């Protein structure tokens, strides 16, 4: 497999893992490179609150990877890649689910 195809396969694996971690009918996942050429994955969705009177929230998570990290990921076996994807999704969820500190004035 060529280096470019291998990189695309790895980013696609990570993209699918993150998309599955943020299940919502409104989930949109996009991949690309940022201005510096680093691979990026952006996940956006609408978070519907449990309470009827609460407002919906538009949420987004941007994940940027150093190219060498994608190369290291490519060298892992299937079990280790699964571990990385699980850890990545857990970290993204923790970042999103942190309590918001809203100050009322």
PDB file of N, CA and C in Angstrom:
ATOM      1  N   UNK A   1       0.854  -1.169   0.000  1.00  0.00           N
ATOM      2  CA  UNK A   1       0.000   0.000   0.000  1.00  0.00           C
ATOM      3  C   UNK A   1       0.901   1.234   0.000  1.00  0.00           C
ATOM      4  N   UNK A   2       0.540   2.241  -0.774  1.00  0.00           N
ATOM      5  CA  UNK A   2       1.358   3.448  -0.836  1.00  0.00           C
ATOM      6  C   UNK A   2       1.223   4.237   0.462  1.00  0.00           C
ATOM      7  N   UNK A   3       2.170   5.125   0.685  1.00  0.00           N
ATOM      8  CA  UNK A   3       2.155   5.932   1.909  1.00  0.00           C
ATOM      9  C   UNK A   3       0.903   6.805   1.980  1.00  0.00           C
ATOM     10  N   UNK A   4       0.520   7.407   0.852  1.00  0.00           N
ATOM     11  CA  UNK A   4      -0.674   8.258   0.833  1.00  0.00           C
ATOM     12  C   UNK A   4      -1.938   7.439   1.106  1.00  0.00           C
ATOM     13  N   UNK A   5      -2.029   6.260   0.511  1.00  0.00           N
ATOM     14  CA  UNK A   5      -3.199   5.405   0.732  1.00  0.00           C
ATOM     15  C   UNK A   5      -3.248   4.912   2.172  1.00  0.00           C
ATOM     16  N   UNK A   6      -2.089   4.595   2.734  1.00  0.00           N
ATOM     17  CA  UNK A   6      -2.015   4.144   4.119  1.00  0.00           C
ATOM     18  C   UNK A   6      -2.443   5.261   5.067  1.00  0.00           C
ATOM     19  N   UNK A   7      -2.002   6.479   4.786  1.00  0.00           N
ATOM     20  CA  UNK A   7      -2.372   7.639   5.611  1.00  0.00           C
ATOM     21  C   UNK A   7      -3.877   7.869   5.543  1.00  0.00           C
ATOM     22  N   UNK A   8      -4.440   7.795   4.339  1.00  0.00           N
ATOM     23  CA  UNK A   8      -5.876   7.980   4.168  1.00  0.00           C
ATOM     24  C   UNK A   8      -6.652   6.897   4.911  1.00  0.00           C
ATOM     25  N   UNK A   9      -6.189   5.648   4.852  1.00  0.00           N
ATOM     26  CA  UNK A   9      -6.846   4.555   5.573  1.00  0.00           C
ATOM     27  C   UNK A   9      -6.851   4.831   7.069  1.00  0.00           C
ATOM     28  N   UNK A  10      -5.727   5.291   7.592  1.00  0.00           N
ATOM     29  CA  UNK A  10      -5.629   5.571   9.026  1.00  0.00           C
ATOM     30  C   UNK A  10      -6.558   6.706   9.435  1.00  0.00           C
ATOM     31  N   UNK A  11      -6.554   7.787   8.675  1.00  0.00           N
ATOM     32  CA  UNK A  11      -7.426   8.920   8.989  1.00  0.00           C
ATOM     33  C   UNK A  11      -8.889   8.492   8.891  1.00  0.00           C
ATOM     34  N   UNK A  12      -9.220   7.682   7.902  1.00  0.00           N
ATOM     35  CA  UNK A  12     -10.593   7.203   7.752  1.00  0.00           C
ATOM     36  C   UNK A  12     -11.001   6.328   8.933  1.00  0.00           C
ATOM     37  N   UNK A  13     -10.104   5.471   9.419  1.00  0.00           N
ATOM     38  CA  UNK A  13     -10.392   4.656  10.613  1.00  0.00           C
ATOM     39  C   UNK A  13     -10.682   5.555  11.808  1.00  0.00           C
ATOM     40  N   UNK A  14      -9.851   6.565  12.004  1.00  0.00           N
ATOM     41  CA  UNK A  14     -10.040   7.485  13.128  1.00  0.00           C
ATOM     42  C   UNK A  14     -11.339   8.273  12.959  1.00  0.00           C
ATOM     43  N   UNK A  15     -11.614   8.691  11.745  1.00  0.00           N
ATOM     44  CA  UNK A  15     -12.838   9.438  11.454  1.00  0.00           C
ATOM     45  C   UNK A  15     -14.075   8.612  11.799  1.00  0.00           C
ATOM     46  N   UNK A  16     -14.113   7.361  11.373  1.00  0.00           N
ATOM     47  CA  UNK A  16     -15.263   6.494  11.664  1.00  0.00           C
ATOM     48  C   UNK A  16     -15.411   6.265  13.166  1.00  0.00           C
ATOM     49  N   UNK A  17     -14.307   6.091  13.854  1.00  0.00           N
ATOM     50  CA  UNK A  17     -14.368   5.876  15.301  1.00  0.00           C
ATOM     51  C   UNK A  17     -14.958   7.091  16.002  1.00  0.00           C
ATOM     52  N   UNK A  18     -14.508   8.272  15.619  1.00  0.00           N
ATOM     53  CA  UNK A  18     -15.014   9.494  16.249  1.00  0.00           C
ATOM     54  C   UNK A  18     -16.483   9.694  15.893  1.00  0.00           C
ATOM     55  N   UNK A  19     -16.853   9.464  14.653  1.00  0.00           N
ATOM     56  CA  UNK A  19     -18.255   9.619  14.245  1.00  0.00           C
ATOM     57  C   UNK A  19     -19.154   8.674  15.035  1.00  0.00           C
ATOM     58  N   UNK A  20     -18.712   7.438  15.236  1.00  0.00           N
ATOM     59  CA  UNK A  20     -19.497   6.477  16.011  1.00  0.00           C
ATOM     60  C   UNK A  20     -19.559   6.854  17.480  1.00  0.00           C
ATOM     61  N   UNK A  21     -18.578   7.596  17.951  1.00  0.00           N
ATOM     62  CA  UNK A  21     -18.567   8.031  19.343  1.00  0.00           C
ATOM     63  C   UNK A  21     -19.526   9.171  19.625  1.00  0.00           C
ATOM     64  N   UNK A  22     -19.929   9.890  18.585  1.00  0.00           N
ATOM     65  CA  UNK A  22     -20.845  11.019  18.733  1.00  0.00           C
ATOM     66  C   UNK A  22     -22.110  10.740  17.934  1.00  0.00           C
ATOM     67  N   UNK A  23     -22.800   9.679  18.318  1.00  0.00           N
ATOM     68  CA  UNK A  23     -23.995   9.286  17.579  1.00  0.00           C
ATOM     69  C   UNK A  23     -25.092  10.332  17.731  1.00  0.00           C
ATOM     70  N   UNK A  24     -25.544  10.809  16.630  1.00  0.00           N
ATOM     71  CA  UNK A  24     -26.623  11.779  16.571  1.00  0.00           C
ATOM     72  C   UNK A  24     -27.089  11.799  15.126  1.00  0.00           C
ATOM     73  N   UNK A  25     -28.350  12.079  14.908  1.00  0.00           N
ATOM     74  CA  UNK A  25     -28.827  12.161  13.529  1.00  0.00           C
ATOM     75  C   UNK A  25     -28.184  13.328  12.797  1.00  0.00           C
ATOM     76  N   UNK A  26     -27.667  14.282  13.535  1.00  0.00           N
ATOM     77  CA  UNK A  26     -27.104  15.478  12.913  1.00  0.00           C
ATOM     78  C   UNK A  26     -25.583  15.458  12.830  1.00  0.00           C
ATOM     79  N   UNK A  27     -24.957  14.335  13.156  1.00  0.00           N
ATOM     80  CA  UNK A  27     -23.495  14.278  13.162  1.00  0.00           C
ATOM     81  C   UNK A  27     -22.936  14.417  11.748  1.00  0.00           C
ATOM     82  N   UNK A  28     -21.972  15.312  11.610  1.00  0.00           N
ATOM     83  CA  UNK A  28     -21.271  15.509  10.346  1.00  0.00           C
ATOM     84  C   UNK A  28     -19.786  15.395  10.637  1.00  0.00           C
ATOM     85  N   UNK A  29     -19.085  14.601   9.848  1.00  0.00           N
ATOM     86  CA  UNK A  29     -17.647  14.420  10.031  1.00  0.00           C
ATOM     87  C   UNK A  29     -16.959  14.820   8.739  1.00  0.00           C
ATOM     88  N   UNK A  30     -15.919  15.624   8.871  1.00  0.00           N
ATOM     89  CA  UNK A  30     -15.146  16.037   7.697  1.00  0.00           C
ATOM     90  C   UNK A  30     -13.673  15.861   8.004  1.00  0.00           C
ATOM     91  N   UNK A  31     -12.908  15.495   6.999  1.00  0.00           N
ATOM     92  CA  UNK A  31     -11.474  15.383   7.194  1.00  0.00           C
ATOM     93  C   UNK A  31     -10.770  16.252   6.172  1.00  0.00           C
ATOM     94  N   UNK A  32      -9.577  16.634   6.504  1.00  0.00           N
ATOM     95  CA  UNK A  32      -8.784  17.453   5.603  1.00  0.00           C
ATOM     96  C   UNK A  32      -7.446  17.736   6.245  1.00  0.00           C
ATOM     97  N   UNK A  33      -6.787  18.750   5.775  1.00  0.00           N
ATOM     98  CA  UNK A  33      -5.517  19.187   6.342  1.00  0.00           C
ATOM     99  C   UNK A  33      -5.664  20.643   6.740  1.00  0.00           C
ATOM    100  N   UNK A  34      -5.056  21.015   7.872  1.00  0.00           N
ATOM    101  CA  UNK A  34      -5.096  22.416   8.261  1.00  0.00           C
ATOM    102  C   UNK A  34      -4.054  23.192   7.456  1.00  0.00           C
ATOM    103  N   UNK A  35      -3.901  24.473   7.745  1.00  0.00           N
ATOM    104  CA  UNK A  35      -2.992  25.335   6.973  1.00  0.00           C
ATOM    105  C   UNK A  35      -1.555  24.833   6.988  1.00  0.00           C
ATOM    106  N   UNK A  36      -1.165  24.148   8.058  1.00  0.00           N
ATOM    107  CA  UNK A  36       0.211  23.652   8.151  1.00  0.00           C
ATOM    108  C   UNK A  36       0.363  22.249   7.563  1.00  0.00           C
ATOM    109  N   UNK A  37      -0.733  21.689   7.030  1.00  0.00           N
ATOM    110  CA  UNK A  37      -0.666  20.369   6.421  1.00  0.00           C
ATOM    111  C   UNK A  37      -0.941  19.218   7.365  1.00  0.00           C
ATOM    112  N   UNK A  38      -1.271  19.528   8.630  1.00  0.00           N
ATOM    113  CA  UNK A  38      -1.581  18.454   9.582  1.00  0.00           C
ATOM    114  C   UNK A  38      -2.950  17.863   9.281  1.00  0.00           C
ATOM    115  N   UNK A  39      -3.071  16.540   9.362  1.00  0.00           N
ATOM    116  CA  UNK A  39      -4.384  15.918   9.159  1.00  0.00           C
ATOM    117  C   UNK A  39      -5.352  16.375  10.249  1.00  0.00           C
ATOM    118  N   UNK A  40      -6.585  16.659   9.868  1.00  0.00           N
ATOM    119  CA  UNK A  40      -7.597  17.095  10.825  1.00  0.00           C
ATOM    120  C   UNK A  40      -8.891  16.327  10.592  1.00  0.00           C
ATOM    121  N   UNK A  41      -9.630  16.182  11.671  1.00  0.00           N
ATOM    122  CA  UNK A  41     -10.980  15.623  11.613  1.00  0.00           C
ATOM    123  C   UNK A  41     -11.861  16.578  12.399  1.00  0.00           C
ATOM    124  N   UNK A  42     -12.967  17.000  11.807  1.00  0.00           N
ATOM    125  CA  UNK A  42     -13.920  17.836  12.527  1.00  0.00           C
ATOM    126  C   UNK A  42     -15.239  17.088  12.622  1.00  0.00           C
ATOM    127  N   UNK A  43     -15.761  17.016  13.833  1.00  0.00           N
ATOM    128  CA  UNK A  43     -17.060  16.396  14.077  1.00  0.00           C
ATOM    129  C   UNK A  43     -17.976  17.496  14.580  1.00  0.00           C
ATOM    130  N   UNK A  44     -19.144  17.637  13.980  1.00  0.00           N
ATOM    131  CA  UNK A  44     -20.114  18.613  14.467  1.00  0.00           C
ATOM    132  C   UNK A  44     -21.478  17.935  14.562  1.00  0.00           C
ATOM    133  N   UNK A  45     -22.275  18.395  15.497  1.00  0.00           N
ATOM    134  CA  UNK A  45     -23.589  17.801  15.711  1.00  0.00           C
ATOM    135  C   UNK A  45     -24.431  18.762  16.529  1.00  0.00           C
ATOM    136  N   UNK A  46     -25.720  18.465  16.605  1.00  0.00           N
ATOM    137  CA  UNK A  46     -26.635  19.224  17.452  1.00  0.00           C
ATOM    138  C   UNK A  46     -26.938  18.357  18.654  1.00  0.00           C
ATOM    139  N   UNK A  47     -26.679  18.919  19.813  1.00  0.00           N
ATOM    140  CA  UNK A  47     -26.924  18.190  21.060  1.00  0.00           C
ATOM    141  C   UNK A  47     -28.316  18.560  21.558  1.00  0.00           C
ATOM    142  N   UNK A  48     -29.181  17.578  21.611  1.00  0.00           N
ATOM    143  CA  UNK A  48     -30.560  17.803  22.028  1.00  0.00           C
ATOM    144  C   UNK A  48     -30.647  17.551  23.528  1.00  0.00           C
ATOM    145  N   UNK A  49     -31.093  18.542  24.293  1.00  0.00           N
ATOM    146  CA  UNK A  49     -31.162  18.391  25.748  1.00  0.00           C
ATOM    147  C   UNK A  49     -32.299  17.464  26.174  1.00  0.00           C
ATOM    148  N   UNK A  50     -32.164  16.927  27.363  1.00  0.00           N
ATOM    149  CA  UNK A  50     -33.196  16.045  27.909  1.00  0.00           C
ATOM    150  C   UNK A  50     -34.436  16.842  28.329  1.00  0.00           C
ATOM    151  N   UNK A  51     -34.221  18.074  28.755  1.00  0.00           N
ATOM    152  CA  UNK A  51     -35.337  18.905  29.217  1.00  0.00           C
ATOM    153  C   UNK A  51     -36.010  19.585  28.028  1.00  0.00           C
ATOM    154  N   UNK A  52     -37.338  19.626  28.052  1.00  0.00           N
ATOM    155  CA  UNK A  52     -38.077  20.217  26.940  1.00  0.00           C
ATOM    156  C   UNK A  52     -37.781  21.696  26.749  1.00  0.00           C
ATOM    157  N   UNK A  53     -37.621  22.435  27.834  1.00  0.00           N
ATOM    158  CA  UNK A  53     -37.472  23.887  27.739  1.00  0.00           C
ATOM    159  C   UNK A  53     -36.047  24.319  27.418  1.00  0.00           C
ATOM    160  N   UNK A  54     -35.123  23.415  27.467  1.00  0.00           N
ATOM    161  CA  UNK A  54     -33.727  23.772  27.200  1.00  0.00           C
ATOM    162  C   UNK A  54     -33.500  23.931  25.694  1.00  0.00           C
ATOM    163  N   UNK A  55     -32.491  24.680  25.359  1.00  0.00           N
ATOM    164  CA  UNK A  55     -32.153  24.924  23.955  1.00  0.00           C
ATOM    165  C   UNK A  55     -31.204  23.852  23.437  1.00  0.00           C
ATOM    166  N   UNK A  56     -31.264  23.635  22.136  1.00  0.00           N
ATOM    167  CA  UNK A  56     -30.306  22.738  21.498  1.00  0.00           C
ATOM    168  C   UNK A  56     -28.958  23.446  21.418  1.00  0.00           C
ATOM    169  N   UNK A  57     -27.905  22.679  21.431  1.00  0.00           N
ATOM    170  CA  UNK A  57     -26.553  23.234  21.342  1.00  0.00           C
ATOM    171  C   UNK A  57     -25.894  22.708  20.080  1.00  0.00           C
ATOM    172  N   UNK A  58     -25.290  23.574  19.341  1.00  0.00           N
ATOM    173  CA  UNK A  58     -24.441  23.138  18.229  1.00  0.00           C
ATOM    174  C   UNK A  58     -23.060  22.900  18.805  1.00  0.00           C
ATOM    175  N   UNK A  59     -22.535  21.724  18.571  1.00  0.00           N
ATOM    176  CA  UNK A  59     -21.243  21.342  19.134  1.00  0.00           C
ATOM    177  C   UNK A  59     -20.291  20.954  18.005  1.00  0.00           C
ATOM    178  N   UNK A  60     -19.015  21.141  18.268  1.00  0.00           N
ATOM    179  CA  UNK A  60     -17.998  20.725  17.296  1.00  0.00           C
ATOM    180  C   UNK A  60     -16.728  20.351  18.040  1.00  0.00           C
ATOM    181  N   UNK A  61     -16.056  19.366  17.516  1.00  0.00           N
ATOM    182  CA  UNK A  61     -14.751  18.954  18.034  1.00  0.00           C
ATOM    183  C   UNK A  61     -13.799  18.923  16.846  1.00  0.00           C
ATOM    184  N   UNK A  62     -12.683  19.617  16.980  1.00  0.00           N
ATOM    185  CA  UNK A  62     -11.634  19.576  15.959  1.00  0.00           C
ATOM    186  C   UNK A  62     -10.482  18.754  16.502  1.00  0.00           C
ATOM    187  N   UNK A  63     -10.073  17.759  15.752  1.00  0.00           N
ATOM    188  CA  UNK A  63      -8.934  16.924  16.129  1.00  0.00           C
ATOM    189  C   UNK A  63      -7.841  17.139  15.094  1.00  0.00           C
ATOM    190  N   UNK A  64      -6.671  17.543  15.559  1.00  0.00           N
ATOM    191  CA  UNK A  64      -5.533  17.750  14.660  1.00  0.00           C
ATOM    192  C   UNK A  64      -4.432  16.785  15.058  1.00  0.00           C
ATOM    193  N   UNK A  65      -3.836  16.164  14.064  1.00  0.00           N
ATOM    194  CA  UNK A  65      -2.816  15.152  14.315  1.00  0.00           C
ATOM    195  C   UNK A  65      -1.498  15.570  13.689  1.00  0.00           C
ATOM    196  N   UNK A  66      -0.422  15.334  14.399  1.00  0.00           N
ATOM    197  CA  UNK A  66       0.899  15.491  13.796  1.00  0.00           C
ATOM    198  C   UNK A  66       1.070  14.346  12.798  1.00  0.00           C
ATOM    199  N   UNK A  67       1.642  14.640  11.650  1.00  0.00           N
ATOM    200  CA  UNK A  67       1.788  13.614  10.607  1.00  0.00           C
ATOM    201  C   UNK A  67       2.522  12.382  11.116  1.00  0.00           C
ATOM    202  N   UNK A  68       3.537  12.600  11.957  1.00  0.00           N
ATOM    203  CA  UNK A  68       4.291  11.442  12.451  1.00  0.00           C
ATOM    204  C   UNK A  68       3.437  10.561  13.365  1.00  0.00           C
ATOM    205  N   UNK A  69       2.425  11.138  13.999  1.00  0.00           N
ATOM    206  CA  UNK A  69       1.548  10.329  14.846  1.00  0.00           C
ATOM    207  C   UNK A  69       0.661   9.423  13.989  1.00  0.00           C
ATOM    208  N   UNK A  70       0.235   9.916  12.848  1.00  0.00           N
ATOM    209  CA  UNK A  70      -0.547   9.081  11.937  1.00  0.00           C
ATOM    210  C   UNK A  70       0.326   7.941  11.420  1.00  0.00           C
ATOM    211  N   UNK A  71       1.589   8.239  11.133  1.00  0.00           N
ATOM    212  CA  UNK A  71       2.519   7.191  10.692  1.00  0.00           C
ATOM    213  C   UNK A  71       2.713   6.141  11.783  1.00  0.00           C
ATOM    214  N   UNK A  72       2.849   6.583  13.032  1.00  0.00           N
ATOM    215  CA  UNK A  72       2.998   5.630  14.144  1.00  0.00           C
ATOM    216  C   UNK A  72       1.744   4.777  14.284  1.00  0.00           C
ATOM    217  N   UNK A  73       0.584   5.409  14.145  1.00  0.00           N
ATOM    218  CA  UNK A  73      -0.685   4.685  14.224  1.00  0.00           C
ATOM    219  C   UNK A  73      -0.741   3.606  13.140  1.00  0.00           C
ATOM    220  N   UNK A  74      -0.259   3.925  11.947  1.00  0.00           N
ATOM    221  CA  UNK A  74      -0.290   2.973  10.829  1.00  0.00           C
ATOM    222  C   UNK A  74       0.529   1.724  11.124  1.00  0.00           C
ATOM    223  N   UNK A  75       1.574   1.859  11.911  1.00  0.00           N
ATOM    224  CA  UNK A  75       2.439   0.717  12.222  1.00  0.00           C
ATOM    225  C   UNK A  75       1.856  -0.201  13.293  1.00  0.00           C
ATOM    226  N   UNK A  76       0.822   0.248  14.003  1.00  0.00           N
ATOM    227  CA  UNK A  76       0.235  -0.566  15.071  1.00  0.00           C
ATOM    228  C   UNK A  76      -0.562  -1.730  14.495  1.00  0.00           C
ATOM    229  N   UNK A  77      -0.679  -2.792  15.307  1.00  0.00           N
ATOM    230  CA  UNK A  77      -1.543  -3.894  14.889  1.00  0.00           C
ATOM    231  C   UNK A  77      -3.001  -3.519  15.176  1.00  0.00           C
ATOM    232  N   UNK A  78      -3.931  -4.357  14.757  1.00  0.00           N
ATOM    233  CA  UNK A  78      -5.360  -4.048  14.861  1.00  0.00           C
ATOM    234  C   UNK A  78      -5.806  -3.806  16.301  1.00  0.00           C
ATOM    235  N   UNK A  79      -5.298  -4.588  17.240  1.00  0.00           N
ATOM    236  CA  UNK A  79      -5.689  -4.443  18.647  1.00  0.00           C
ATOM    237  C   UNK A  79      -5.215  -3.100  19.198  1.00  0.00           C
ATOM    238  N   UNK A  80      -3.983  -2.737  18.897  1.00  0.00           N
ATOM    239  CA  UNK A  80      -3.456  -1.464  19.391  1.00  0.00           C
ATOM    240  C   UNK A  80      -4.139  -0.271  18.721  1.00  0.00           C
ATOM    241  N   UNK A  81      -4.492  -0.401  17.433  1.00  0.00           N
ATOM    242  CA  UNK A  81      -5.217   0.686  16.764  1.00  0.00           C
ATOM    243  C   UNK A  81      -6.594   0.865  17.400  1.00  0.00           C
ATOM    244  N   UNK A  82      -7.249  -0.241  17.753  1.00  0.00           N
ATOM    245  CA  UNK A  82      -8.541  -0.156  18.435  1.00  0.00           C
ATOM    246  C   UNK A  82      -8.387   0.563  19.769  1.00  0.00           C
ATOM    247  N   UNK A  83      -7.337   0.251  20.497  1.00  0.00           N
ATOM    248  CA  UNK A  83      -7.073   0.915  21.779  1.00  0.00           C
ATOM    249  C   UNK A  83      -6.896   2.424  21.574  1.00  0.00           C
ATOM    250  N   UNK A  84      -6.153   2.812  20.563  1.00  0.00           N
ATOM    251  CA  UNK A  84      -5.941   4.239  20.276  1.00  0.00           C
ATOM    252  C   UNK A  84      -7.266   4.908  19.929  1.00  0.00           C
ATOM    253  N   UNK A  85      -8.068   4.279  19.088  1.00  0.00           N
ATOM    254  CA  UNK A  85      -9.358   4.869  18.700  1.00  0.00           C
ATOM    255  C   UNK A  85     -10.274   5.017  19.906  1.00  0.00           C
ATOM    256  N   UNK A  86     -10.297   4.019  20.777  1.00  0.00           N
ATOM    257  CA  UNK A  86     -11.121   4.089  21.984  1.00  0.00           C
ATOM    258  C   UNK A  86     -10.658   5.230  22.881  1.00  0.00           C
ATOM    259  N   UNK A  87      -9.364   5.347  23.069  1.00  0.00           N
ATOM    260  CA  UNK A  87      -8.798   6.414  23.901  1.00  0.00           C
ATOM    261  C   UNK A  87      -9.093   7.792  23.289  1.00  0.00           C
ATOM    262  N   UNK A  88      -8.980   7.900  21.989  1.00  0.00           N
ATOM    263  CA  UNK A  88      -9.260   9.156  21.296  1.00  0.00           C
ATOM    264  C   UNK A  88     -10.712   9.576  21.498  1.00  0.00           C
ATOM    265  N   UNK A  89     -11.635   8.643  21.325  1.00  0.00           N
ATOM    266  CA  UNK A  89     -13.059   8.950  21.510  1.00  0.00           C
ATOM    267  C   UNK A  89     -13.373   9.316  22.954  1.00  0.00           C
ATOM    268  N   UNK A  90     -12.794   8.589  23.897  1.00  0.00           N
ATOM    269  CA  UNK A  90     -13.014   8.903  25.310  1.00  0.00           C
ATOM    270  C   UNK A  90     -12.523  10.306  25.631  1.00  0.00           C
ATOM    271  N   UNK A  91     -11.351  10.655  25.132  1.00  0.00           N
ATOM    272  CA  UNK A  91     -10.804  11.992  25.376  1.00  0.00           C
ATOM    273  C   UNK A  91     -11.659  13.082  24.758  1.00  0.00           C
ATOM    274  N   UNK A  92     -12.155  12.837  23.557  1.00  0.00           N
ATOM    275  CA  UNK A  92     -13.018  13.822  22.897  1.00  0.00           C
ATOM    276  C   UNK A  92     -14.317  13.995  23.677  1.00  0.00           C
ATOM    277  N   UNK A  93     -14.901  12.899  24.148  1.00  0.00           N
ATOM    278  CA  UNK A  93     -16.133  12.989  24.936  1.00  0.00           C
ATOM    279  C   UNK A  93     -15.906  13.736  26.243  1.00  0.00           C
ATOM    280  N   UNK A  94     -14.787  13.448  26.910  1.00  0.00           N
ATOM    281  CA  UNK A  94     -14.496  14.161  28.163  1.00  0.00           C
ATOM    282  C   UNK A  94     -14.364  15.656  27.908  1.00  0.00           C
ATOM    283  N   UNK A  95     -13.755  16.033  26.809  1.00  0.00           N
ATOM    284  CA  UNK A  95     -13.598  17.455  26.486  1.00  0.00           C
ATOM    285  C   UNK A  95     -14.955  18.113  26.250  1.00  0.00           C
ATOM    286  N   UNK A  96     -15.871  17.395  25.632  1.00  0.00           N
ATOM    287  CA  UNK A  96     -17.190  17.945  25.337  1.00  0.00           C
ATOM    288  C   UNK A  96     -18.076  17.958  26.575  1.00  0.00           C
ATOM    289  N   UNK A  97     -17.991  16.943  27.397  1.00  0.00           N
ATOM    290  CA  UNK A  97     -18.890  16.805  28.540  1.00  0.00           C
ATOM    291  C   UNK A  97     -18.433  17.512  29.805  1.00  0.00           C
ATOM    292  N   UNK A  98     -17.334  18.232  29.739  1.00  0.00           N
ATOM    293  CA  UNK A  98     -16.927  18.992  30.925  1.00  0.00           C
ATOM    294  C   UNK A  98     -18.035  19.957  31.296  1.00  0.00           C
ATOM    295  N   UNK A  99     -18.276  20.129  32.580  1.00  0.00           N
ATOM    296  CA  UNK A  99     -19.313  21.088  32.977  1.00  0.00           C
ATOM    297  C   UNK A  99     -18.966  22.480  32.460  1.00  0.00           C
ATOM    298  N   UNK A 100     -19.969  23.122  31.893  1.00  0.00           N
ATOM    299  CA  UNK A 100     -19.762  24.479  31.404  1.00  0.00           C
ATOM    300  C   UNK A 100     -19.877  25.453  32.561  1.00  0.00           C
ATOM    301  N   UNK A 101     -18.960  26.377  32.651  1.00  0.00           N
ATOM    302  CA  UNK A 101     -19.056  27.394  33.701  1.00  0.00           C
ATOM    303  C   UNK A 101     -19.654  28.640  33.069  1.00  0.00           C
ATOM    304  N   UNK A 102     -20.919  28.846  33.325  1.00  0.00           N
ATOM    305  CA  UNK A 102     -21.637  29.991  32.770  1.00  0.00           C
ATOM    306  C   UNK A 102     -21.886  30.974  33.902  1.00  0.00           C
ATOM    307  N   UNK A 103     -21.431  32.170  33.712  1.00  0.00           N
ATOM    308  CA  UNK A 103     -21.613  33.213  34.718  1.00  0.00           C
ATOM    309  C   UNK A 103     -22.766  34.101  34.293  1.00  0.00           C
ATOM    310  N   UNK A 104     -23.714  34.255  35.177  1.00  0.00           N
ATOM    311  CA  UNK A 104     -24.851  35.142  34.886  1.00  0.00           C
ATOM    312  C   UNK A 104     -24.578  36.492  35.511  1.00  0.00           C
ATOM    313  N   UNK A 105     -24.913  37.515  34.780  1.00  0.00           N
ATOM    314  CA  UNK A 105     -24.698  38.883  35.292  1.00  0.00           C
ATOM    315  C   UNK A 105     -26.003  39.575  35.480  1.00  0.00           C
TER     316      UNK A 105
END
